[in-house]
Amino acid sequence: MATAHTEALFAAAAASVKHARGWARVWLVEQKVPEDVRDSVVLCRSEILTNAVRHQGSGEIVAARLVRFDDAAAVSVEDSGDVFLEHAVPVAEFAEGGRGLAVVRAVSAQWGVQPRAGGKVVWCEVARPHEPSPTDLINSRNAK
């Protein structure tokens, strides 16, 4: 079962990213998302929103979405920009920025960029690490 929330965000400022990050934390707590997943979702959302604010052309973020699934949460940010980085780019050791997508890649189960008419959507999914159950262990031994 999925529960979703969409925010329309039209301000391209650091204050809007800070507000969206705080709101996401509250919503994820209300949705009873486990803390380890919640922290990663908030981090990913912040990084994706920051990239949208800094790098897309018009300064308009069309929508920011959070979706909570039983064992995961997804983040998506739709903007009007035409920069389509599909991978994290190398960054100088002492650079002050440029690590956002590397962070997203490191803490999410999967992520991507989808072109849309008039812009793009950057998304990621954060899942709770799967801990093997006794049934998984029995099944893996019998699979030989």
C-alpha atoms as a PDB file:
ATOM      1  CA  MET A   1       0.000   0.000   0.000  1.00  0.00           C
ATOM      2  CA  ALA A   2       1.329   3.439  -0.896  1.00  0.00           C
ATOM      3  CA  THR A   3       0.644   6.790   0.717  1.00  0.00           C
ATOM      4  CA  ALA A   4       1.692   9.858  -1.256  1.00  0.00           C
ATOM      5  CA  HIS A   5       1.995  13.573  -0.819  1.00  0.00           C
ATOM      6  CA  THR A   6       2.762  16.147  -3.496  1.00  0.00           C
ATOM      7  CA  GLU A   7       3.867  19.695  -2.836  1.00  0.00           C
ATOM      8  CA  ALA A   8       3.797  22.385  -5.483  1.00  0.00           C
ATOM      9  CA  LEU A   9       6.962  24.401  -5.025  1.00  0.00           C
ATOM     10  CA  PHE A  10       7.555  27.505  -7.049  1.00  0.00           C
ATOM     11  CA  ALA A  11      10.323  29.310  -5.190  1.00  0.00           C
ATOM     12  CA  ALA A  12      13.890  28.581  -6.150  1.00  0.00           C
ATOM     13  CA  ALA A  13      15.643  29.518  -2.941  1.00  0.00           C
ATOM     14  CA  ALA A  14      17.580  27.783  -0.214  1.00  0.00           C
ATOM     15  CA  ALA A  15      14.760  28.656   2.203  1.00  0.00           C
ATOM     16  CA  SER A  16      12.315  26.579   0.145  1.00  0.00           C
ATOM     17  CA  VAL A  17      14.681  23.584   0.293  1.00  0.00           C
ATOM     18  CA  LYS A  18      15.014  23.990   4.066  1.00  0.00           C
ATOM     19  CA  HIS A  19      11.230  24.199   4.432  1.00  0.00           C
ATOM     20  CA  ALA A  20      10.692  21.142   2.204  1.00  0.00           C
ATOM     21  CA  ARG A  21      13.277  19.157   4.181  1.00  0.00           C
ATOM     22  CA  GLY A  22      11.594  19.990   7.507  1.00  0.00           C
ATOM     23  CA  TRP A  23       8.142  19.251   6.169  1.00  0.00           C
ATOM     24  CA  ALA A  24       9.316  15.897   4.770  1.00  0.00           C
ATOM     25  CA  ARG A  25      10.703  14.854   8.150  1.00  0.00           C
ATOM     26  CA  VAL A  26       7.376  15.620   9.855  1.00  0.00           C
ATOM     27  CA  TRP A  27       5.345  13.787   7.181  1.00  0.00           C
ATOM     28  CA  LEU A  28       7.611  10.724   7.307  1.00  0.00           C
ATOM     29  CA  VAL A  29       7.307  10.583  11.110  1.00  0.00           C
ATOM     30  CA  GLU A  30       3.503  10.800  10.799  1.00  0.00           C
ATOM     31  CA  GLN A  31       3.618   7.959   8.254  1.00  0.00           C
ATOM     32  CA  LYS A  32       5.661   5.873  10.725  1.00  0.00           C
ATOM     33  CA  VAL A  33       8.586   5.473   8.336  1.00  0.00           C
ATOM     34  CA  PRO A  34      11.493   3.836  10.201  1.00  0.00           C
ATOM     35  CA  GLU A  35      14.108   6.333  11.332  1.00  0.00           C
ATOM     36  CA  ASP A  36      16.948   4.895   9.219  1.00  0.00           C
ATOM     37  CA  VAL A  37      14.825   5.131   6.062  1.00  0.00           C
ATOM     38  CA  ARG A  38      13.442   8.535   7.074  1.00  0.00           C
ATOM     39  CA  ASP A  39      16.905  10.070   7.486  1.00  0.00           C
ATOM     40  CA  SER A  40      18.009   8.802   4.072  1.00  0.00           C
ATOM     41  CA  VAL A  41      14.808  10.017   2.396  1.00  0.00           C
ATOM     42  CA  VAL A  42      15.196  13.501   3.886  1.00  0.00           C
ATOM     43  CA  LEU A  43      18.842  13.611   2.786  1.00  0.00           C
ATOM     44  CA  CYS A  44      17.986  12.498  -0.760  1.00  0.00           C
ATOM     45  CA  ARG A  45      15.104  14.950  -1.021  1.00  0.00           C
ATOM     46  CA  SER A  46      17.313  17.777   0.133  1.00  0.00           C
ATOM     47  CA  GLU A  47      20.066  16.904  -2.370  1.00  0.00           C
ATOM     48  CA  ILE A  48      17.669  16.542  -5.320  1.00  0.00           C
ATOM     49  CA  LEU A  49      15.837  19.780  -4.481  1.00  0.00           C
ATOM     50  CA  THR A  50      19.122  21.632  -4.047  1.00  0.00           C
ATOM     51  CA  ASN A  51      20.295  20.431  -7.469  1.00  0.00           C
ATOM     52  CA  ALA A  52      17.025  21.577  -9.014  1.00  0.00           C
ATOM     53  CA  VAL A  53      17.331  25.017  -7.431  1.00  0.00           C
ATOM     54  CA  ARG A  54      20.994  25.449  -8.422  1.00  0.00           C
ATOM     55  CA  HIS A  55      21.140  23.908 -11.880  1.00  0.00           C
ATOM     56  CA  GLN A  56      17.888  24.179 -13.739  1.00  0.00           C
ATOM     57  CA  GLY A  57      17.139  27.082 -15.982  1.00  0.00           C
ATOM     58  CA  SER A  58      13.962  28.913 -15.004  1.00  0.00           C
ATOM     59  CA  GLY A  59      14.120  28.632 -11.235  1.00  0.00           C
ATOM     60  CA  GLU A  60      10.836  26.735 -11.085  1.00  0.00           C
ATOM     61  CA  ILE A  61      10.346  23.465  -9.288  1.00  0.00           C
ATOM     62  CA  VAL A  62       7.063  22.103 -10.555  1.00  0.00           C
ATOM     63  CA  ALA A  63       6.416  19.438  -7.938  1.00  0.00           C
ATOM     64  CA  ALA A  64       8.127  17.545  -5.149  1.00  0.00           C
ATOM     65  CA  ARG A  65       6.629  14.190  -4.195  1.00  0.00           C
ATOM     66  CA  LEU A  66       7.083  11.733  -1.364  1.00  0.00           C
ATOM     67  CA  VAL A  67       5.568   8.283  -1.512  1.00  0.00           C
ATOM     68  CA  ARG A  68       5.631   5.838   1.373  1.00  0.00           C
ATOM     69  CA  PHE A  69       5.437   2.129   0.641  1.00  0.00           C
ATOM     70  CA  ASP A  70       5.333  -0.714   3.165  1.00  0.00           C
ATOM     71  CA  ASP A  71       9.110  -1.154   3.182  1.00  0.00           C
ATOM     72  CA  ALA A  72      10.406   1.851   1.240  1.00  0.00           C
ATOM     73  CA  ALA A  73       9.869   5.497   0.415  1.00  0.00           C
ATOM     74  CA  ALA A  74      10.315   7.335  -2.872  1.00  0.00           C
ATOM     75  CA  VAL A  75      11.290  10.911  -3.621  1.00  0.00           C
ATOM     76  CA  SER A  76      10.726  12.716  -6.893  1.00  0.00           C
ATOM     77  CA  VAL A  77      11.317  16.296  -7.918  1.00  0.00           C
ATOM     78  CA  GLU A  78       9.990  17.623 -11.195  1.00  0.00           C
ATOM     79  CA  ASP A  79      11.566  20.808 -12.505  1.00  0.00           C
ATOM     80  CA  SER A  80      11.657  22.845 -15.679  1.00  0.00           C
ATOM     81  CA  GLY A  81      15.408  22.502 -16.186  1.00  0.00           C
ATOM     82  CA  ASP A  82      17.159  20.952 -19.131  1.00  0.00           C
ATOM     83  CA  VAL A  83      20.265  19.616 -17.371  1.00  0.00           C
ATOM     84  CA  PHE A  84      20.057  15.811 -17.435  1.00  0.00           C
ATOM     85  CA  LEU A  85      22.869  14.315 -15.368  1.00  0.00           C
ATOM     86  CA  GLU A  86      22.282  10.595 -15.322  1.00  0.00           C
ATOM     87  CA  HIS A  87      25.248   9.815 -13.124  1.00  0.00           C
ATOM     88  CA  ALA A  88      27.309  11.410 -10.415  1.00  0.00           C
ATOM     89  CA  VAL A  89      30.237  13.364 -11.836  1.00  0.00           C
ATOM     90  CA  PRO A  90      33.738  13.358 -10.341  1.00  0.00           C
ATOM     91  CA  VAL A  91      34.386  16.211  -7.918  1.00  0.00           C
ATOM     92  CA  ALA A  92      37.657  17.727  -6.781  1.00  0.00           C
ATOM     93  CA  GLU A  93      38.655  16.642  -3.290  1.00  0.00           C
ATOM     94  CA  PHE A  94      38.200  20.060  -1.687  1.00  0.00           C
ATOM     95  CA  ALA A  95      35.269  21.298  -3.787  1.00  0.00           C
ATOM     96  CA  GLU A  96      32.452  22.869  -1.783  1.00  0.00           C
ATOM     97  CA  GLY A  97      29.699  21.170  -3.764  1.00  0.00           C
ATOM     98  CA  GLY A  98      28.969  18.715  -6.514  1.00  0.00           C
ATOM     99  CA  ARG A  99      28.434  15.566  -4.461  1.00  0.00           C
ATOM    100  CA  GLY A 100      24.638  15.582  -4.360  1.00  0.00           C
ATOM    101  CA  LEU A 101      23.998  12.780  -6.846  1.00  0.00           C
ATOM    102  CA  ALA A 102      26.814  10.707  -5.348  1.00  0.00           C
ATOM    103  CA  VAL A 103      25.072  11.019  -1.969  1.00  0.00           C
ATOM    104  CA  VAL A 104      21.725  10.049  -3.503  1.00  0.00           C
ATOM    105  CA  ARG A 105      23.323   7.061  -5.228  1.00  0.00           C
ATOM    106  CA  ALA A 106      25.029   5.977  -1.994  1.00  0.00           C
ATOM    107  CA  VAL A 107      21.938   5.978   0.233  1.00  0.00           C
ATOM    108  CA  SER A 108      19.184   4.953  -2.187  1.00  0.00           C
ATOM    109  CA  ALA A 109      18.284   1.550  -3.550  1.00  0.00           C
ATOM    110  CA  GLN A 110      17.863   3.074  -7.005  1.00  0.00           C
ATOM    111  CA  TRP A 111      17.585   6.483  -8.648  1.00  0.00           C
ATOM    112  CA  GLY A 112      17.208   8.023 -12.054  1.00  0.00           C
ATOM    113  CA  VAL A 113      16.289  10.927 -14.295  1.00  0.00           C
ATOM    114  CA  GLN A 114      13.288  10.928 -16.614  1.00  0.00           C
ATOM    115  CA  PRO A 115      12.875  13.615 -19.278  1.00  0.00           C
ATOM    116  CA  ARG A 116       9.427  15.232 -19.343  1.00  0.00           C
ATOM    117  CA  ALA A 117       7.846  17.820 -21.598  1.00  0.00           C
ATOM    118  CA  GLY A 118       9.307  21.095 -20.413  1.00  0.00           C
ATOM    119  CA  GLY A 119      11.750  19.574 -17.937  1.00  0.00           C
ATOM    120  CA  LYS A 120      12.634  16.414 -16.069  1.00  0.00           C
ATOM    121  CA  VAL A 121      11.936  14.330 -12.979  1.00  0.00           C
ATOM    122  CA  VAL A 122      14.760  13.193 -10.722  1.00  0.00           C
ATOM    123  CA  TRP A 123      13.693  10.366  -8.422  1.00  0.00           C
ATOM    124  CA  CYS A 124      15.047   7.832  -5.961  1.00  0.00           C
ATOM    125  CA  GLU A 125      13.778   5.029  -3.779  1.00  0.00           C
ATOM    126  CA  VAL A 126      15.081   4.357  -0.294  1.00  0.00           C
ATOM    127  CA  ALA A 127      14.410   0.915   1.124  1.00  0.00           C
ATOM    128  CA  ARG A 128      15.046  -0.512   4.540  1.00  0.00           C
ATOM    129  CA  PRO A 129      17.850  -3.059   4.356  1.00  0.00           C
ATOM    130  CA  HIS A 130      16.402  -6.550   4.195  1.00  0.00           C
ATOM    131  CA  GLU A 131      17.288  -8.691   7.160  1.00  0.00           C
ATOM    132  CA  PRO A 132      17.096 -12.404   6.385  1.00  0.00           C
ATOM    133  CA  SER A 133      14.302 -14.230   8.138  1.00  0.00           C
ATOM    134  CA  PRO A 134      14.652 -17.841   9.338  1.00  0.00           C
ATOM    135  CA  THR A 135      12.589 -18.875   6.298  1.00  0.00           C
ATOM    136  CA  ASP A 136      15.068 -17.123   3.953  1.00  0.00           C
ATOM    137  CA  LEU A 137      17.958 -18.980   5.574  1.00  0.00           C
ATOM    138  CA  ILE A 138      16.217 -22.358   5.313  1.00  0.00           C
ATOM    139  CA  ASN A 139      15.289 -21.688   1.679  1.00  0.00           C
ATOM    140  CA  SER A 140      18.861 -20.667   0.797  1.00  0.00           C
ATOM    141  CA  ARG A 141      20.251 -23.886   2.303  1.00  0.00           C
ATOM    142  CA  ASN A 142      17.719 -25.997   0.394  1.00  0.00           C
ATOM    143  CA  ALA A 143      18.462 -24.238  -2.896  1.00  0.00           C
ATOM    144  CA  LYS A 144      21.791 -26.037  -3.359  1.00  0.00           C
END
